[in-house]
Amino acid sequence: MTDTTSSSSLADSAQPRTAPRRFSNREAEESWAATATTRTGVDLTITPARADDRDALERFFERVTPEDLYFRFLSGIRKVDDSRINAMLRDDDDYSIDFLALDSDTGEILATAMLAADRDFDSAEFAMCTREDAKNKGISWVLLDHAANYAAAMGVRRIYSLQSTSQTDALQLEREMGFTVRTNPGDPVHMLVEKIFPQP
């Protein structure tokens, strides 16, 4: 995730917090699929991952750099295997969801955003991944904004991510989006990025 600015926000997708505290791909597809245009004019379709996105996800990860794969999975994997893609597509886990930013013209995936909540739905970790040729176009901004609005609407109080200190563009983007970025105690290699949502 290395986009640095964006004038586009999916504010229209922000909805009041709902009583049921769970993530659901199927329910999100009904209420949280959206279209947006980034600051550079890229037309996007934002949608939760669906079962028929498998081939598109495989193509997406083939175009992600090894460095960005490491940042996304915090592992030195060279190829995203079926188990990881299955986890993104499943709809029987109330605590995790993956949103996709699709090129509205081609249907190809340009970026992904994962949310994984704790059992109390107090906090949710987020992880972003953007194709190298889709960076610096405002795509990550729009997708992260959408995922954050969704998490808040589902009752999550705080979203956070541990990110390498070398992810300077991503950290700058998140600062501009209002996230707090600070050193992770006892871990000089990673920064703690978080946003706390106002409580009703």
Protein backbone atom coordinates (compact mmCIF):
# COMPACT_ATOMS: atom_id res chain seq x y z
CA MET A 1 0.00 0.00 0.00
CA THR A 2 1.86 3.07 -1.16
CA ASP A 3 -0.63 5.65 -2.43
CA THR A 4 -0.02 8.98 -0.74
CA THR A 5 -3.01 11.19 -1.47
CA SER A 6 -6.57 10.95 -2.67
CA SER A 7 -9.47 13.31 -3.07
CA SER A 8 -12.00 10.51 -3.24
CA SER A 9 -13.74 9.05 -0.20
CA LEU A 10 -16.55 6.55 0.05
CA ALA A 11 -18.35 8.66 2.60
CA ASP A 12 -21.68 7.62 1.17
CA SER A 13 -20.91 4.05 2.24
CA ALA A 14 -20.57 5.02 5.92
CA GLN A 15 -23.60 3.64 7.70
CA PRO A 16 -24.77 3.67 11.33
CA ARG A 17 -23.36 0.93 13.52
CA THR A 18 -25.42 -2.18 13.37
CA ALA A 19 -26.40 -4.40 16.28
CA PRO A 20 -25.03 -7.75 15.02
CA ARG A 21 -21.27 -7.78 15.46
CA ARG A 22 -19.96 -9.96 12.67
CA PHE A 23 -18.34 -9.72 9.29
CA SER A 24 -20.13 -11.36 6.38
CA ASN A 25 -19.05 -11.38 2.73
CA ARG A 26 -22.60 -12.08 1.59
CA GLU A 27 -24.20 -9.33 3.66
CA ALA A 28 -21.44 -6.88 2.75
CA GLU A 29 -21.99 -7.59 -0.94
CA GLU A 30 -25.60 -6.50 -0.50
CA SER A 31 -24.94 -3.35 1.53
CA TRP A 32 -21.27 -2.44 1.13
CA ALA A 33 -20.47 -2.90 -2.54
CA ALA A 34 -19.72 0.54 -4.00
CA THR A 35 -18.19 2.42 -6.88
CA ALA A 36 -15.68 5.26 -6.59
CA THR A 37 -13.31 7.33 -8.65
CA THR A 38 -9.82 8.03 -7.29
CA ARG A 39 -8.06 11.39 -7.37
CA THR A 40 -6.28 10.26 -10.57
CA GLY A 41 -9.48 9.26 -12.32
CA VAL A 42 -9.36 5.48 -11.81
CA ASP A 43 -12.90 4.07 -11.69
CA LEU A 44 -13.18 1.40 -9.02
CA THR A 45 -15.69 -1.16 -7.88
CA ILE A 46 -15.28 -2.05 -4.19
CA THR A 47 -16.69 -5.41 -3.18
CA PRO A 48 -16.10 -8.16 -0.63
CA ALA A 49 -14.30 -11.20 -2.00
CA ARG A 50 -16.63 -13.77 -3.55
CA ALA A 51 -16.21 -17.41 -4.47
CA ASP A 52 -15.92 -16.59 -8.17
CA ASP A 53 -13.01 -14.20 -7.50
CA ARG A 54 -10.51 -17.06 -7.15
CA ASP A 55 -8.98 -16.78 -10.63
CA ALA A 56 -8.80 -12.99 -10.39
CA LEU A 57 -7.08 -13.24 -6.98
CA GLU A 58 -4.52 -15.67 -8.38
CA ARG A 59 -3.77 -13.25 -11.22
CA PHE A 60 -3.60 -10.37 -8.76
CA PHE A 61 -1.03 -12.00 -6.50
CA GLU A 62 1.07 -12.99 -9.50
CA ARG A 63 1.51 -9.25 -10.14
CA VAL A 64 2.36 -8.35 -6.54
CA THR A 65 6.06 -7.88 -5.79
CA PRO A 66 7.83 -10.23 -3.34
CA GLU A 67 8.35 -7.28 -1.00
CA ASP A 68 4.63 -6.44 -0.99
CA LEU A 69 3.75 -10.10 -0.44
CA TYR A 70 5.98 -10.03 2.62
CA PHE A 71 4.32 -6.87 3.92
CA ARG A 72 0.84 -8.35 3.35
CA PHE A 73 1.43 -11.74 4.95
CA LEU A 74 4.49 -10.97 7.14
CA SER A 75 6.06 -14.06 5.62
CA GLY A 76 8.66 -14.66 2.94
CA ILE A 77 6.28 -16.62 0.74
CA ARG A 78 6.92 -16.60 -3.00
CA LYS A 79 3.42 -17.67 -4.04
CA VAL A 80 0.05 -17.25 -2.37
CA ASP A 81 -1.24 -20.79 -1.96
CA ASP A 82 -4.77 -22.14 -2.09
CA SER A 83 -5.21 -22.10 1.70
CA ARG A 84 -4.63 -18.34 1.86
CA ILE A 85 -6.93 -17.65 -1.08
CA ASN A 86 -9.58 -19.94 0.45
CA ALA A 87 -9.38 -17.92 3.66
CA MET A 88 -10.08 -14.74 1.69
CA LEU A 89 -13.09 -16.26 -0.07
CA ARG A 90 -14.79 -18.10 2.80
CA ASP A 91 -18.00 -16.72 4.27
CA ASP A 92 -18.22 -18.88 7.38
CA ASP A 93 -15.88 -16.79 9.53
CA ASP A 94 -17.70 -14.00 11.36
CA TYR A 95 -14.43 -12.33 12.33
CA SER A 96 -12.65 -11.73 9.03
CA ILE A 97 -13.45 -10.23 5.65
CA ASP A 98 -11.50 -9.16 2.57
CA PHE A 99 -12.51 -6.23 0.38
CA LEU A 100 -11.31 -5.95 -3.22
CA ALA A 101 -10.75 -2.88 -5.36
CA LEU A 102 -11.53 -3.82 -8.95
CA ASP A 103 -10.80 -1.85 -12.09
CA SER A 104 -14.34 -1.05 -13.18
CA ASP A 105 -13.37 -1.32 -16.84
CA THR A 106 -11.50 -4.64 -16.78
CA GLY A 107 -12.76 -6.33 -13.62
CA GLU A 108 -9.17 -7.04 -12.58
CA ILE A 109 -8.21 -6.71 -8.91
CA LEU A 110 -5.94 -3.75 -8.18
CA ALA A 111 -5.79 -3.94 -4.37
CA THR A 112 -7.09 -5.91 -1.39
CA ALA A 113 -7.90 -5.00 2.21
CA MET A 114 -8.28 -7.57 4.99
CA LEU A 115 -10.02 -7.02 8.33
CA ALA A 116 -9.68 -9.56 11.16
CA ALA A 117 -11.54 -8.78 14.38
CA ASP A 118 -10.94 -10.11 17.86
CA ARG A 119 -13.64 -12.17 19.56
CA ASP A 120 -15.05 -9.16 21.40
CA PHE A 121 -15.23 -7.10 18.21
CA ASP A 122 -13.31 -4.39 20.00
CA SER A 123 -10.31 -4.27 17.66
CA ALA A 124 -9.66 -5.44 14.12
CA GLU A 125 -6.32 -5.83 12.37
CA PHE A 126 -6.12 -4.60 8.80
CA ALA A 127 -3.71 -5.52 6.03
CA MET A 128 -3.49 -3.98 2.58
CA CYS A 129 -1.92 -5.14 -0.66
CA THR A 130 -1.71 -3.15 -3.89
CA ARG A 131 -0.37 -4.13 -7.28
CA GLU A 132 2.86 -2.34 -8.18
CA ASP A 133 1.35 -0.79 -11.31
CA ALA A 134 -1.67 0.44 -9.32
CA LYS A 135 0.26 2.41 -6.71
CA ASN A 136 0.27 6.19 -6.34
CA LYS A 137 -3.17 6.51 -7.92
CA GLY A 138 -5.33 6.93 -4.82
CA ILE A 139 -6.56 3.32 -4.91
CA SER A 140 -5.25 2.33 -1.49
CA TRP A 141 -6.75 5.46 0.05
CA VAL A 142 -10.22 4.70 -1.30
CA LEU A 143 -10.08 1.02 -0.34
CA LEU A 144 -8.76 1.59 3.18
CA ASP A 145 -11.33 4.33 3.75
CA HIS A 146 -14.07 1.92 2.70
CA ALA A 147 -12.79 -0.90 4.92
CA ALA A 148 -12.48 1.46 7.89
CA ASN A 149 -16.04 2.73 7.44
CA TYR A 150 -17.27 -0.85 7.29
CA ALA A 151 -15.41 -1.84 10.46
CA ALA A 152 -16.84 1.16 12.34
CA ALA A 153 -20.37 0.37 11.14
CA MET A 154 -20.01 -3.21 12.34
CA GLY A 155 -19.22 -1.99 15.84
CA VAL A 156 -15.42 -2.25 15.88
CA ARG A 157 -13.88 0.39 18.16
CA ARG A 158 -10.33 0.34 16.76
CA ILE A 159 -8.48 -0.87 13.67
CA TYR A 160 -4.74 -1.35 13.66
CA SER A 161 -1.82 -2.74 11.69
CA LEU A 162 1.82 -3.56 12.37
CA GLN A 163 3.90 -2.27 9.47
CA SER A 164 7.56 -2.26 8.64
CA THR A 165 9.42 0.99 9.21
CA SER A 166 10.50 0.69 5.56
CA GLN A 167 6.91 1.14 4.33
CA THR A 168 7.36 4.89 4.27
CA ASP A 169 4.75 5.64 1.60
CA ALA A 170 2.11 3.53 3.34
CA LEU A 171 2.82 5.12 6.71
CA GLN A 172 2.58 8.60 5.18
CA LEU A 173 -0.73 7.72 3.55
CA GLU A 174 -2.16 6.53 6.85
CA ARG A 175 -1.00 9.66 8.67
CA GLU A 176 -2.78 11.75 6.03
CA MET A 177 -5.92 9.65 6.58
CA GLY A 178 -5.90 10.43 10.30
CA PHE A 179 -4.33 7.24 11.61
CA THR A 180 -1.96 7.41 14.55
CA VAL A 181 1.48 6.02 13.65
CA ARG A 182 3.91 5.28 16.47
CA THR A 183 6.74 2.98 17.41
CA ASN A 184 5.60 -0.46 18.52
CA PRO A 185 6.90 -0.97 22.07
CA GLY A 186 9.72 -3.51 22.19
CA ASP A 187 9.77 -3.90 18.40
CA PRO A 188 12.03 -1.43 16.57
CA VAL A 189 11.30 -3.00 13.18
CA HIS A 190 7.54 -2.33 13.06
CA MET A 191 5.30 0.68 13.54
CA LEU A 192 1.87 0.47 15.14
CA VAL A 193 -0.75 2.11 12.94
CA GLU A 194 -4.22 2.59 14.43
CA LYS A 195 -7.45 4.51 14.24
CA ILE A 196 -9.99 4.69 17.06
CA PHE A 197 -13.56 5.42 16.02
CA PRO A 198 -15.87 7.76 17.98
CA GLN A 199 -18.26 5.82 20.15
CA PRO A 200 -22.01 6.40 19.91
